[in-house]
Structures are given as C-alpha cells and as structure tokens.
C-alpha atoms as a PDB file:
ATOM      1  CA  MET A   1       9.346-166.010  67.872  1.00  0.00           C
ATOM      2  CA  ALA A   2      12.758-167.000  66.579  1.00  0.00           C
ATOM      3  CA  LYS A   3      13.780-170.658  66.624  1.00  0.00           C
ATOM      4  CA  PHE A   4      16.816-170.144  68.821  1.00  0.00           C
ATOM      5  CA  GLU A   5      15.384-167.718  71.372  1.00  0.00           C
ATOM      6  CA  ALA A   6      16.535-169.721  74.410  1.00  0.00           C
ATOM      7  CA  LEU A   7      20.133-169.691  73.171  1.00  0.00           C
ATOM      8  CA  LEU A   8      20.086-165.936  72.751  1.00  0.00           C
ATOM      9  CA  GLU A   9      19.103-164.888  76.265  1.00  0.00           C
ATOM     10  CA  ASP A  10      22.727-164.141  77.137  1.00  0.00           C
ATOM     11  CA  GLU A  11      24.313-163.358  73.805  1.00  0.00           C
ATOM     12  CA  ASP A  12      27.797-162.845  75.218  1.00  0.00           C
ATOM     13  CA  ASN A  13      28.001-166.459  76.434  1.00  0.00           C
ATOM     14  CA  ILE A  14      26.637-168.396  73.469  1.00  0.00           C
ATOM     15  CA  PHE A  15      29.300-170.940  72.705  1.00  0.00           C
ATOM     16  CA  GLY A  16      31.861-168.282  73.572  1.00  0.00           C
ATOM     17  CA  GLY A  17      30.450-165.469  71.423  1.00  0.00           C
ATOM     18  CA  THR A  18      27.499-163.926  69.670  1.00  0.00           C
ATOM     19  CA  PRO A  19      25.526-165.706  66.934  1.00  0.00           C
ATOM     20  CA  LYS A  20      27.176-163.424  64.375  1.00  0.00           C
ATOM     21  CA  SER A  21      30.697-164.137  65.643  1.00  0.00           C
ATOM     22  CA  LYS A  22      30.038-167.888  65.750  1.00  0.00           C
ATOM     23  CA  TYR A  23      28.828-167.883  62.156  1.00  0.00           C
ATOM     24  CA  TRP A  24      32.000-166.126  61.002  1.00  0.00           C
ATOM     25  CA  ASP A  25      34.155-168.442  63.145  1.00  0.00           C
ATOM     26  CA  PHE A  26      32.627-171.464  61.407  1.00  0.00           C
ATOM     27  CA  ASN A  27      32.745-169.744  58.022  1.00  0.00           C
ATOM     28  CA  SER A  28      36.488-169.215  58.366  1.00  0.00           C
ATOM     29  CA  GLN A  29      36.990-172.913  59.144  1.00  0.00           C
ATOM     30  CA  VAL A  30      35.224-174.349  56.084  1.00  0.00           C
ATOM     31  CA  SER A  31      36.554-174.759  52.576  1.00  0.00           C
ATOM     32  CA  LYS A  32      36.089-171.938  50.095  1.00  0.00           C
ATOM     33  CA  ASP A  33      33.745-174.106  48.001  1.00  0.00           C
ATOM     34  CA  LEU A  34      31.542-174.905  50.983  1.00  0.00           C
ATOM     35  CA  ALA A  35      31.450-171.248  52.077  1.00  0.00           C
ATOM     36  CA  GLU A  36      30.535-170.160  48.539  1.00  0.00           C
ATOM     37  CA  ASP A  37      27.811-172.813  48.325  1.00  0.00           C
ATOM     38  CA  GLU A  38      26.289-171.698  51.630  1.00  0.00           C
ATOM     39  CA  PHE A  39      26.481-168.040  50.565  1.00  0.00           C
ATOM     40  CA  ASP A  40      24.743-168.934  47.298  1.00  0.00           C
ATOM     41  CA  LYS A  41      21.909-170.481  49.330  1.00  0.00           C
ATOM     42  CA  ILE A  42      21.557-167.195  51.250  1.00  0.00           C
ATOM     43  CA  VAL A  43      21.459-165.177  48.019  1.00  0.00           C
ATOM     44  CA  GLU A  44      18.878-167.565  46.567  1.00  0.00           C
ATOM     45  CA  LYS A  45      16.690-167.192  49.660  1.00  0.00           C
ATOM     46  CA  ILE A  46      16.893-163.389  49.428  1.00  0.00           C
ATOM     47  CA  ALA A  47      16.046-163.544  45.728  1.00  0.00           C
ATOM     48  CA  VAL A  48      13.018-165.733  46.402  1.00  0.00           C
ATOM     49  CA  MET A  49      11.807-163.392  49.137  1.00  0.00           C
ATOM     50  CA  GLU A  50      12.207-160.377  46.840  1.00  0.00           C
ATOM     51  CA  VAL A  51      10.270-162.100  44.059  1.00  0.00           C
ATOM     52  CA  MET A  52       7.521-162.976  46.552  1.00  0.00           C
ATOM     53  CA  LEU A  53       7.381-159.404  47.846  1.00  0.00           C
ATOM     54  CA  ALA A  54       7.382-158.037  44.299  1.00  0.00           C
ATOM     55  CA  GLU A  55       4.149-159.935  43.674  1.00  0.00           C
ATOM     56  CA  HIS A  56       2.486-157.635  46.217  1.00  0.00           C
ATOM     57  CA  TYR A  57       4.598-154.468  46.220  1.00  0.00           C
ATOM     58  CA  ASP A  58       6.428-152.282  43.722  1.00  0.00           C
ATOM     59  CA  ILE A  59       9.865-153.821  43.171  1.00  0.00           C
ATOM     60  CA  ASN A  60      11.471-150.382  42.931  1.00  0.00           C
ATOM     61  CA  SER A  61      10.387-149.422  46.440  1.00  0.00           C
ATOM     62  CA  LEU A  62      11.318-152.669  48.225  1.00  0.00           C
ATOM     63  CA  ASP A  63      14.619-151.391  49.655  1.00  0.00           C
ATOM     64  CA  LYS A  64      12.932-148.324  51.109  1.00  0.00           C
ATOM     65  CA  MET A  65      10.125-150.453  52.564  1.00  0.00           C
ATOM     66  CA  ILE A  66      12.587-152.933  54.068  1.00  0.00           C
ATOM     67  CA  LYS A  67      14.685-150.181  55.687  1.00  0.00           C
ATOM     68  CA  SER A  68      11.569-148.507  57.062  1.00  0.00           C
ATOM     69  CA  TYR A  69      10.287-151.785  58.482  1.00  0.00           C
ATOM     70  CA  ALA A  70      13.676-152.512  60.065  1.00  0.00           C
ATOM     71  CA  VAL A  71      13.693-149.138  61.817  1.00  0.00           C
ATOM     72  CA  GLN A  72      10.120-149.520  63.047  1.00  0.00           C
ATOM     73  CA  ASN A  73      10.656-153.093  64.253  1.00  0.00           C
ATOM     74  CA  MET A  74      14.291-152.966  65.353  1.00  0.00           C
ATOM     75  CA  SER A  75      14.001-155.361  68.296  1.00  0.00           C
ATOM     76  CA  GLU A  76      12.169-158.058  66.343  1.00  0.00           C
ATOM     77  CA  VAL A  77      14.566-157.703  63.420  1.00  0.00           C
ATOM     78  CA  GLU A  78      17.616-158.021  65.703  1.00  0.00           C
ATOM     79  CA  ASP A  79      16.153-161.141  67.327  1.00  0.00           C
ATOM     80  CA  MET A  80      15.494-162.660  63.909  1.00  0.00           C
ATOM     81  CA  LYS A  81      19.008-161.781  62.721  1.00  0.00           C
ATOM     82  CA  LYS A  82      20.441-163.665  65.702  1.00  0.00           C
ATOM     83  CA  SER A  83      18.256-166.644  64.899  1.00  0.00           C
ATOM     84  CA  VAL A  84      19.272-166.574  61.233  1.00  0.00           C
ATOM     85  CA  TYR A  85      22.967-166.397  62.160  1.00  0.00           C
ATOM     86  CA  MET A  86      22.500-169.417  64.441  1.00  0.00           C
ATOM     87  CA  GLU A  87      20.708-171.303  61.673  1.00  0.00           C
ATOM     88  CA  LEU A  88      23.451-170.456  59.178  1.00  0.00           C
ATOM     89  CA  ALA A  89      26.194-171.384  61.651  1.00  0.00           C
ATOM     90  CA  GLY A  90      24.407-174.677  62.245  1.00  0.00           C
ATOM     91  CA  SER A  91      24.316-175.332  58.505  1.00  0.00           C
ATOM     92  CA  LEU A  92      28.063-174.726  58.239  1.00  0.00           C
ATOM     93  CA  LEU A  93      28.782-176.883  61.268  1.00  0.00           C
ATOM     94  CA  GLU A  94      26.608-179.683  59.910  1.00  0.00           C
ATOM     95  CA  ARG A  95      28.403-179.596  56.569  1.00  0.00           C
ATOM     96  CA  LEU A  96      31.805-179.703  58.281  1.00  0.00           C
ATOM     97  CA  ASN A  97      30.969-183.257  59.302  1.00  0.00           C
ATOM     98  CA  ASP A  98      29.994-184.365  55.774  1.00  0.00           C
END
C-alpha cells in the first residue's frame, strides 16, 4: 500500500488540503530553478519507467496499456497518486530548507 496511507484517510483535512493541492501550494512557493529541477526528476522517473516497461512490452502500445490499467484499477491508482503527490510535496518542502 502507499507510503502515506494514514495521512490520506481524510483527504480534505490533510494539512489544510488534498495532497495535490499541497504539492501545488509548495510548488508555488519555491524558486523557478528548484521547481524546474524537481519537475526534471519527475520526467526522468517517468522516462526510466517507460524504458523498463518497453523491455517487456511494445513501446507503441504503452499509453493504451497504461490508460486501460488506470481504468481497471482506478482506486489503487488514485491512492498511489495521492501518495506520490505527498512524496513530491515533501521533496519540495525539504528543499525549501536547504
């Protein structure tokens, strides 16, 4: 299960908002360079995952497979998205103190 499951039980009260809204709150408070660096890390992670998937599946059908999986596993995907937003928000918050 997602790393931050306990924090997500009542998503309307997490630090005054949802994981998604908290990420964007923090993102708007950091410098442009820091925000771009963190975004680049996200893009790199996606690229790595796509390369890994391409080792096992046809690269041209990955988007269709991903969308199909998301529809079939909507609840799990939403929980993971919340966890990822919390992780990303934590990364921004941590770097604010650097």
